[in-house]
Amino acid sequence: MTESHDMKPFARASIVATYLFGVAFLQPAGAQVESPANPTIPSSIHLPTASVLPVTQSWRFGLKVQATSDTTGIQATVPVPMQWPEQNVKVLSINKPDNVSVARIKEGSDSSQLFFSIGRLGAGEEVIVTVDIEIEKLASTAPANPELFHFDSNEKPSQRKFLSPSPFIESKEKTIVDLAMSLPIDVSQPAWNQVESIYNWVRENVEYEFDPEIRSCLTALENKRGDCEELSSLFIALCRARGIPARAVWIPDHTYPEFYLMDEQGNGRWFPCQAAGSFAFGYMPESRPILQKGDKFKIPGQREEVRYSQPTLKAKDALSNPTVTWIMEPILGDQ
């Protein structure tokens, strides 16, 4: 089994996983899937016709926990893919050894988590807990008449976090606001064309360059370079500065943004675009599973919001932090 991956943000998350000792946060239960308590935000997306078949894949997600000292009362979470309009998720199995007393998936409004707990691990002992998931994924397509879509003049509560700053997306900073309002955008054009002008400006003025460190959109703008994460953050920040809801989408090894417009019937639609890589505006030819959508998450036991949901581990008693590795890999034979 491969227990590492190349995805920039998530590889880093496995190193900085949250450790909070002496705090319990799970209620014992058998293996199960829990539904969200609150309805999800509007998440419709333009999909291809019924004649386009989805791509079916199987993936494995989970954690390897290795104790560096005698450790008791271990409780951990790891994000897993959830349902989206372009993605159907089916849990095939939750795989755990006998000393894992709890293993379940809890579906939230913006992320799903695999929860598990371990009574005790001796120094040097390790446990691997994973979930195998079958994913049917549709590649979203651009609408036939994009000029018919328009901006939403009435801000809704569900949109507010997609209009406000997020970690590394400083949409209210003067530099970002001034740039957003000075971009060569023809406001007499349809909303679609106006957003595409922002998209084109980012791709033409910020050069792609991979960076193992997370950089803010302000840094990417100053340096005039960044990778998929920074280019997506800058596009999102400029959209938000102009009152256009936008958010990040996280998939294995990649990040891209989505923007929000209204159709003729007043229904909201999210449209993806490829900030880094080949041109793709308003559609996404991408078969890899969606891990999360959004860029402002609250991690249990952590006060500050983070840009993506990441693994956490808590223990009642330990002399040193366990080692945590985030598992995220396709299951061979299904790709």
Protein backbone atom coordinates (compact mmCIF):
# COMPACT_ATOMS: atom_id res chain seq x y z
CA MET A 1 0.00 0.00 0.00
CA THR A 2 1.23 3.48 -0.83
CA GLU A 3 0.74 5.82 2.10
CA SER A 4 1.88 9.10 0.60
CA HIS A 5 0.88 11.27 -2.36
CA ASP A 6 2.01 14.31 -4.26
CA MET A 7 -0.87 16.68 -3.61
CA LYS A 8 0.69 19.87 -2.31
CA PRO A 9 -1.86 21.00 0.33
CA PHE A 10 -2.83 17.57 1.56
CA ALA A 11 0.72 16.24 1.71
CA ARG A 12 1.51 19.18 3.94
CA ALA A 13 -1.61 18.53 6.02
CA SER A 14 -0.40 15.03 6.87
CA ILE A 15 2.69 16.60 8.43
CA VAL A 16 0.86 19.26 10.41
CA ALA A 17 -2.13 17.17 11.49
CA THR A 18 -3.79 18.56 14.61
CA TYR A 19 -2.83 16.93 17.94
CA LEU A 20 -4.99 17.77 20.93
CA PHE A 21 -4.40 15.66 24.01
CA GLY A 22 -6.93 15.09 26.78
CA VAL A 23 -10.01 16.13 24.74
CA ALA A 24 -12.67 13.65 23.64
CA PHE A 25 -14.88 14.39 20.66
CA LEU A 26 -16.45 11.09 19.52
CA GLN A 27 -19.44 9.21 20.83
CA PRO A 28 -18.98 5.42 20.55
CA ALA A 29 -20.98 3.82 17.78
CA GLY A 30 -20.77 0.97 15.29
CA ALA A 31 -19.56 1.45 11.74
CA GLN A 32 -22.12 3.62 9.99
CA VAL A 33 -22.75 6.62 7.76
CA GLU A 34 -24.43 9.66 9.32
CA SER A 35 -26.37 12.26 7.33
CA PRO A 36 -25.84 16.02 7.75
CA ALA A 37 -27.99 17.82 10.29
CA ASN A 38 -28.27 20.93 8.12
CA PRO A 39 -29.13 21.20 4.41
CA THR A 40 -26.26 21.86 2.02
CA ILE A 41 -25.75 25.16 0.26
CA PRO A 42 -27.07 25.47 -3.31
CA SER A 43 -24.65 23.34 -5.31
CA SER A 44 -26.18 22.80 -8.76
CA ILE A 45 -23.69 22.56 -11.58
CA HIS A 46 -24.16 22.32 -15.35
CA LEU A 47 -23.81 18.65 -16.29
CA PRO A 48 -23.54 16.88 -19.66
CA THR A 49 -26.47 15.17 -21.34
CA ALA A 50 -27.64 11.75 -20.25
CA SER A 51 -25.77 10.19 -23.18
CA VAL A 52 -22.43 11.02 -21.49
CA LEU A 53 -21.51 8.17 -19.15
CA PRO A 54 -19.81 8.81 -15.81
CA VAL A 55 -16.33 7.51 -15.04
CA THR A 56 -16.42 4.92 -12.24
CA GLN A 57 -13.40 4.60 -9.98
CA SER A 58 -12.54 3.08 -6.62
CA TRP A 59 -10.37 4.95 -4.15
CA ARG A 60 -9.00 4.29 -0.67
CA PHE A 61 -8.80 7.01 1.99
CA GLY A 62 -7.66 6.79 5.58
CA LEU A 63 -4.87 7.24 8.12
CA LYS A 64 -1.89 5.31 9.40
CA VAL A 65 -1.21 6.13 13.05
CA GLN A 66 2.07 5.07 14.65
CA ALA A 67 2.60 5.65 18.36
CA THR A 68 5.96 7.07 19.42
CA SER A 69 5.18 6.41 23.09
CA ASP A 70 2.47 4.56 25.02
CA THR A 71 -0.71 6.33 23.94
CA THR A 72 -4.30 5.89 25.15
CA GLY A 73 -7.70 7.26 24.16
CA ILE A 74 -6.82 7.94 20.52
CA GLN A 75 -9.54 9.52 18.39
CA ALA A 76 -8.95 10.62 14.79
CA THR A 77 -10.71 12.04 11.75
CA VAL A 78 -9.80 12.12 8.06
CA PRO A 79 -11.79 13.79 5.25
CA VAL A 80 -13.22 11.60 2.48
CA PRO A 81 -15.16 12.43 -0.73
CA MET A 82 -18.82 13.37 -0.38
CA GLN A 83 -21.85 13.63 -2.66
CA TRP A 84 -21.91 16.46 -5.21
CA PRO A 85 -24.17 16.94 -8.25
CA GLU A 86 -21.38 15.73 -10.55
CA GLN A 87 -20.22 12.98 -8.18
CA ASN A 88 -21.96 9.95 -6.69
CA VAL A 89 -20.21 8.31 -3.73
CA LYS A 90 -20.78 4.76 -2.47
CA VAL A 91 -18.96 3.41 0.58
CA LEU A 92 -17.74 -0.11 -0.21
CA SER A 93 -16.11 -0.99 3.10
CA ILE A 94 -14.53 0.45 6.23
CA ASN A 95 -11.32 -1.43 6.96
CA LYS A 96 -10.06 -1.53 10.55
CA PRO A 97 -8.18 -3.91 12.85
CA ASP A 98 -9.81 -5.34 15.96
CA ASN A 99 -8.27 -2.81 18.33
CA VAL A 100 -10.17 0.02 16.60
CA SER A 101 -13.43 0.16 18.55
CA VAL A 102 -15.20 2.81 16.49
CA ALA A 103 -15.15 3.50 12.75
CA ARG A 104 -17.84 5.49 10.98
CA ILE A 105 -18.36 8.13 8.31
CA LYS A 106 -20.16 11.35 9.17
CA GLU A 107 -21.49 13.44 6.29
CA GLY A 108 -21.47 17.19 6.89
CA SER A 109 -22.77 20.05 4.80
CA ASP A 110 -19.37 20.84 3.25
CA SER A 111 -17.18 17.81 4.00
CA SER A 112 -17.40 14.16 5.04
CA GLN A 113 -15.17 12.61 7.67
CA LEU A 114 -14.03 9.11 8.59
CA PHE A 115 -14.00 8.96 12.39
CA PHE A 116 -12.26 6.23 14.41
CA SER A 117 -11.02 5.61 17.94
CA ILE A 118 -8.35 3.36 19.48
CA GLY A 119 -8.15 2.46 23.16
CA ARG A 120 -4.38 2.04 23.36
CA LEU A 121 -1.23 1.79 21.26
CA GLY A 122 2.15 0.85 22.67
CA ALA A 123 5.30 2.67 21.62
CA GLY A 124 6.15 1.67 18.05
CA GLU A 125 2.77 0.09 17.34
CA GLU A 126 0.78 1.26 14.33
CA VAL A 127 -2.79 1.09 13.07
CA ILE A 128 -4.14 1.63 9.56
CA VAL A 129 -7.82 2.55 9.16
CA THR A 130 -9.21 3.09 5.67
CA VAL A 131 -12.44 3.34 3.76
CA ASP A 132 -12.88 2.05 0.20
CA ILE A 133 -15.19 4.24 -1.88
CA GLU A 134 -16.68 3.80 -5.34
CA ILE A 135 -17.07 7.12 -7.14
CA GLU A 136 -19.08 7.88 -10.27
CA LYS A 137 -17.85 11.16 -11.71
CA LEU A 138 -19.29 13.28 -14.51
CA ALA A 139 -17.15 15.87 -16.26
CA SER A 140 -19.11 19.13 -16.11
CA THR A 141 -19.76 21.03 -19.36
CA ALA A 142 -20.20 24.69 -20.23
CA PRO A 143 -23.76 25.88 -20.97
CA ALA A 144 -24.87 26.30 -24.59
CA ASN A 145 -25.89 29.93 -23.96
CA PRO A 146 -23.63 31.32 -21.23
CA GLU A 147 -24.74 34.90 -21.97
CA LEU A 148 -28.10 34.10 -20.35
CA PHE A 149 -26.51 33.78 -16.89
CA HIS A 150 -26.30 36.83 -14.63
CA PHE A 151 -24.97 37.98 -11.28
CA ASP A 152 -27.12 37.50 -8.19
CA SER A 153 -28.23 40.93 -6.97
CA ASN A 154 -29.54 39.55 -3.66
CA GLU A 155 -26.88 38.16 -1.35
CA LYS A 156 -28.06 34.99 0.37
CA PRO A 157 -26.80 33.69 3.73
CA SER A 158 -25.48 30.55 2.04
CA GLN A 159 -23.24 32.70 -0.19
CA ARG A 160 -21.66 34.89 2.47
CA LYS A 161 -18.62 32.74 3.14
CA PHE A 162 -17.97 32.66 -0.61
CA LEU A 163 -17.88 36.47 -0.66
CA SER A 164 -15.66 37.01 2.37
CA PRO A 165 -11.94 36.44 2.99
CA SER A 166 -10.59 32.95 3.67
CA PRO A 167 -7.16 31.72 4.74
CA PHE A 168 -4.70 32.89 2.04
CA ILE A 169 -7.58 34.48 0.08
CA GLU A 170 -7.44 38.12 1.22
CA SER A 171 -10.34 39.41 -0.84
CA LYS A 172 -10.83 42.56 1.26
CA GLU A 173 -7.20 43.71 1.23
CA LYS A 174 -6.81 47.07 -0.49
CA THR A 175 -4.35 45.69 -3.06
CA ILE A 176 -6.84 43.01 -4.14
CA VAL A 177 -9.86 45.34 -4.11
CA ASP A 178 -8.04 48.04 -6.07
CA LEU A 179 -6.87 45.51 -8.65
CA ALA A 180 -10.31 43.91 -8.96
CA MET A 181 -11.95 47.25 -9.62
CA SER A 182 -9.27 48.35 -12.11
CA LEU A 183 -9.29 45.24 -14.30
CA PRO A 184 -10.21 45.89 -17.95
CA ILE A 185 -13.73 44.47 -17.62
CA ASP A 186 -16.55 45.67 -19.84
CA VAL A 187 -19.52 45.78 -17.44
CA SER A 188 -21.90 46.08 -20.40
CA GLN A 189 -20.97 42.52 -21.35
CA PRO A 190 -22.80 39.47 -19.93
CA ALA A 191 -21.73 38.29 -16.50
CA TRP A 192 -20.07 35.25 -18.06
CA ASN A 193 -17.73 37.44 -20.12
CA GLN A 194 -16.92 39.59 -17.11
CA VAL A 195 -15.85 36.60 -15.02
CA GLU A 196 -13.87 35.24 -17.97
CA SER A 197 -11.98 38.55 -18.09
CA ILE A 198 -10.86 37.96 -14.48
CA TYR A 199 -9.89 34.39 -15.38
CA ASN A 200 -7.87 35.49 -18.39
CA TRP A 201 -6.12 38.25 -16.44
CA VAL A 202 -4.93 35.82 -13.74
CA ARG A 203 -3.63 33.30 -16.30
CA GLU A 204 -1.89 35.98 -18.36
CA ASN A 205 -0.28 37.85 -15.47
CA VAL A 206 0.70 35.15 -12.97
CA GLU A 207 3.10 32.49 -14.23
CA TYR A 208 2.65 28.90 -13.11
CA GLU A 209 5.43 27.64 -10.86
CA PHE A 210 5.10 24.85 -8.31
CA ASP A 211 5.92 25.83 -4.75
CA PRO A 212 5.98 23.33 -1.85
CA GLU A 213 4.93 26.13 0.52
CA ILE A 214 1.45 27.63 0.70
CA ARG A 215 1.49 31.26 -0.46
CA SER A 216 -1.28 33.78 -0.14
CA CYS A 217 -2.89 35.31 -3.20
CA LEU A 218 -1.20 38.60 -2.26
CA THR A 219 2.20 36.92 -2.42
CA ALA A 220 1.37 35.27 -5.73
CA LEU A 221 0.31 38.66 -7.08
CA GLU A 222 3.50 40.34 -5.85
CA ASN A 223 5.77 37.56 -7.17
CA LYS A 224 3.71 37.13 -10.36
CA ARG A 225 3.97 33.37 -10.00
CA GLY A 226 2.25 30.52 -8.20
CA ASP A 227 0.90 27.03 -8.66
CA CYS A 228 -2.67 25.74 -8.92
CA GLU A 229 -3.39 26.67 -5.32
CA GLU A 230 -2.16 30.28 -5.58
CA LEU A 231 -3.70 30.91 -9.02
CA SER A 232 -7.03 29.57 -7.78
CA SER A 233 -6.82 31.71 -4.64
CA LEU A 234 -6.12 34.86 -6.65
CA PHE A 235 -9.01 34.21 -9.05
CA ILE A 236 -11.33 33.57 -6.09
CA ALA A 237 -10.17 36.72 -4.27
CA LEU A 238 -10.69 38.94 -7.33
CA CYS A 239 -14.15 37.49 -7.92
CA ARG A 240 -15.15 38.04 -4.29
CA ALA A 241 -13.77 41.59 -4.35
CA ARG A 242 -16.21 42.29 -7.20
CA GLY A 243 -19.13 40.65 -5.37
CA ILE A 244 -19.04 37.35 -7.28
CA PRO A 245 -19.26 34.21 -5.08
CA ALA A 246 -16.33 31.85 -5.70
CA ARG A 247 -14.75 28.89 -3.92
CA ALA A 248 -11.93 26.35 -4.15
CA VAL A 249 -12.37 22.72 -5.20
CA TRP A 250 -9.90 20.12 -3.95
CA ILE A 251 -9.12 16.89 -5.83
CA PRO A 252 -6.10 14.55 -5.56
CA ASP A 253 -2.97 16.42 -6.73
CA HIS A 254 -4.86 19.53 -7.82
CA THR A 255 -6.96 22.56 -6.89
CA TYR A 256 -9.27 24.62 -9.11
CA PRO A 257 -11.90 27.34 -8.51
CA GLU A 258 -15.64 27.63 -9.12
CA PHE A 259 -17.74 30.79 -9.57
CA TYR A 260 -21.47 31.31 -9.01
CA LEU A 261 -24.04 32.78 -11.42
CA MET A 262 -27.84 32.76 -11.75
CA ASP A 263 -29.84 31.31 -14.65
CA GLU A 264 -32.97 32.80 -16.25
CA GLN A 265 -35.22 31.11 -13.70
CA GLY A 266 -33.27 32.56 -10.79
CA ASN A 267 -31.52 29.30 -9.91
CA GLY A 268 -27.89 29.47 -8.82
CA ARG A 269 -25.24 27.50 -10.67
CA TRP A 270 -21.59 26.83 -9.87
CA PHE A 271 -19.15 26.77 -12.78
CA PRO A 272 -15.59 25.40 -12.53
CA CYS A 273 -12.54 26.69 -14.34
CA GLN A 274 -8.92 25.61 -14.64
CA ALA A 275 -6.81 28.40 -13.14
CA ALA A 276 -3.59 26.43 -13.72
CA GLY A 277 -3.04 24.10 -16.64
CA SER A 278 -4.91 23.88 -19.92
CA PHE A 279 -7.67 26.40 -20.66
CA ALA A 280 -11.04 25.31 -19.25
CA PHE A 281 -13.50 28.06 -18.37
CA GLY A 282 -16.98 27.12 -17.20
CA TYR A 283 -16.39 23.39 -17.51
CA MET A 284 -14.05 20.78 -16.03
CA PRO A 285 -12.81 17.70 -17.96
CA GLU A 286 -11.63 16.08 -14.75
CA SER A 287 -12.30 12.50 -13.61
CA ARG A 288 -10.47 12.55 -10.26
CA PRO A 289 -12.80 12.54 -7.24
CA ILE A 290 -13.78 15.75 -5.48
CA LEU A 291 -12.49 15.71 -1.92
CA GLN A 292 -13.91 19.03 -0.75
CA LYS A 293 -15.42 22.26 -2.00
CA GLY A 294 -14.75 25.45 -0.10
CA ASP A 295 -11.78 27.19 1.48
CA LYS A 296 -12.88 28.00 5.02
CA PHE A 297 -13.24 25.01 7.34
CA LYS A 298 -13.48 24.64 11.11
CA ILE A 299 -11.40 21.78 12.51
CA PRO A 300 -12.63 20.22 15.80
CA GLY A 301 -10.63 21.57 18.71
CA GLN A 302 -8.91 24.25 16.62
CA ARG A 303 -9.89 27.90 16.99
CA GLU A 304 -8.66 29.24 13.65
CA GLU A 305 -10.37 28.39 10.39
CA VAL A 306 -8.32 26.53 7.77
CA ARG A 307 -8.46 26.54 3.98
CA TYR A 308 -9.26 22.82 3.70
CA SER A 309 -10.48 20.14 6.05
CA GLN A 310 -7.56 18.02 7.19
CA PRO A 311 -6.86 15.03 9.46
CA THR A 312 -6.97 15.49 13.22
CA LEU A 313 -5.83 13.24 16.03
CA LYS A 314 -6.54 13.48 19.74
CA ALA A 315 -5.35 11.31 22.61
CA LYS A 316 -6.19 11.16 26.29
CA ASP A 317 -2.62 10.46 27.34
CA ALA A 318 0.70 10.41 25.45
CA LEU A 319 4.26 11.53 26.13
CA SER A 320 4.87 12.45 22.48
CA ASN A 321 2.86 12.99 19.30
CA PRO A 322 2.02 9.90 17.23
CA THR A 323 3.10 9.90 13.58
CA VAL A 324 0.16 10.36 11.20
CA THR A 325 0.18 9.59 7.45
CA TRP A 326 -2.78 10.52 5.23
CA ILE A 327 -3.70 7.71 2.83
CA MET A 328 -5.29 8.74 -0.48
CA GLU A 329 -4.88 6.44 -3.47
CA PRO A 330 -6.78 4.78 -6.32
CA ILE A 331 -7.41 1.09 -5.84
CA LEU A 332 -5.43 -0.77 -8.49
CA GLY A 333 -7.51 -2.44 -11.18
CA ASP A 334 -10.22 0.22 -11.10
CA GLN A 335 -8.35 3.02 -12.86
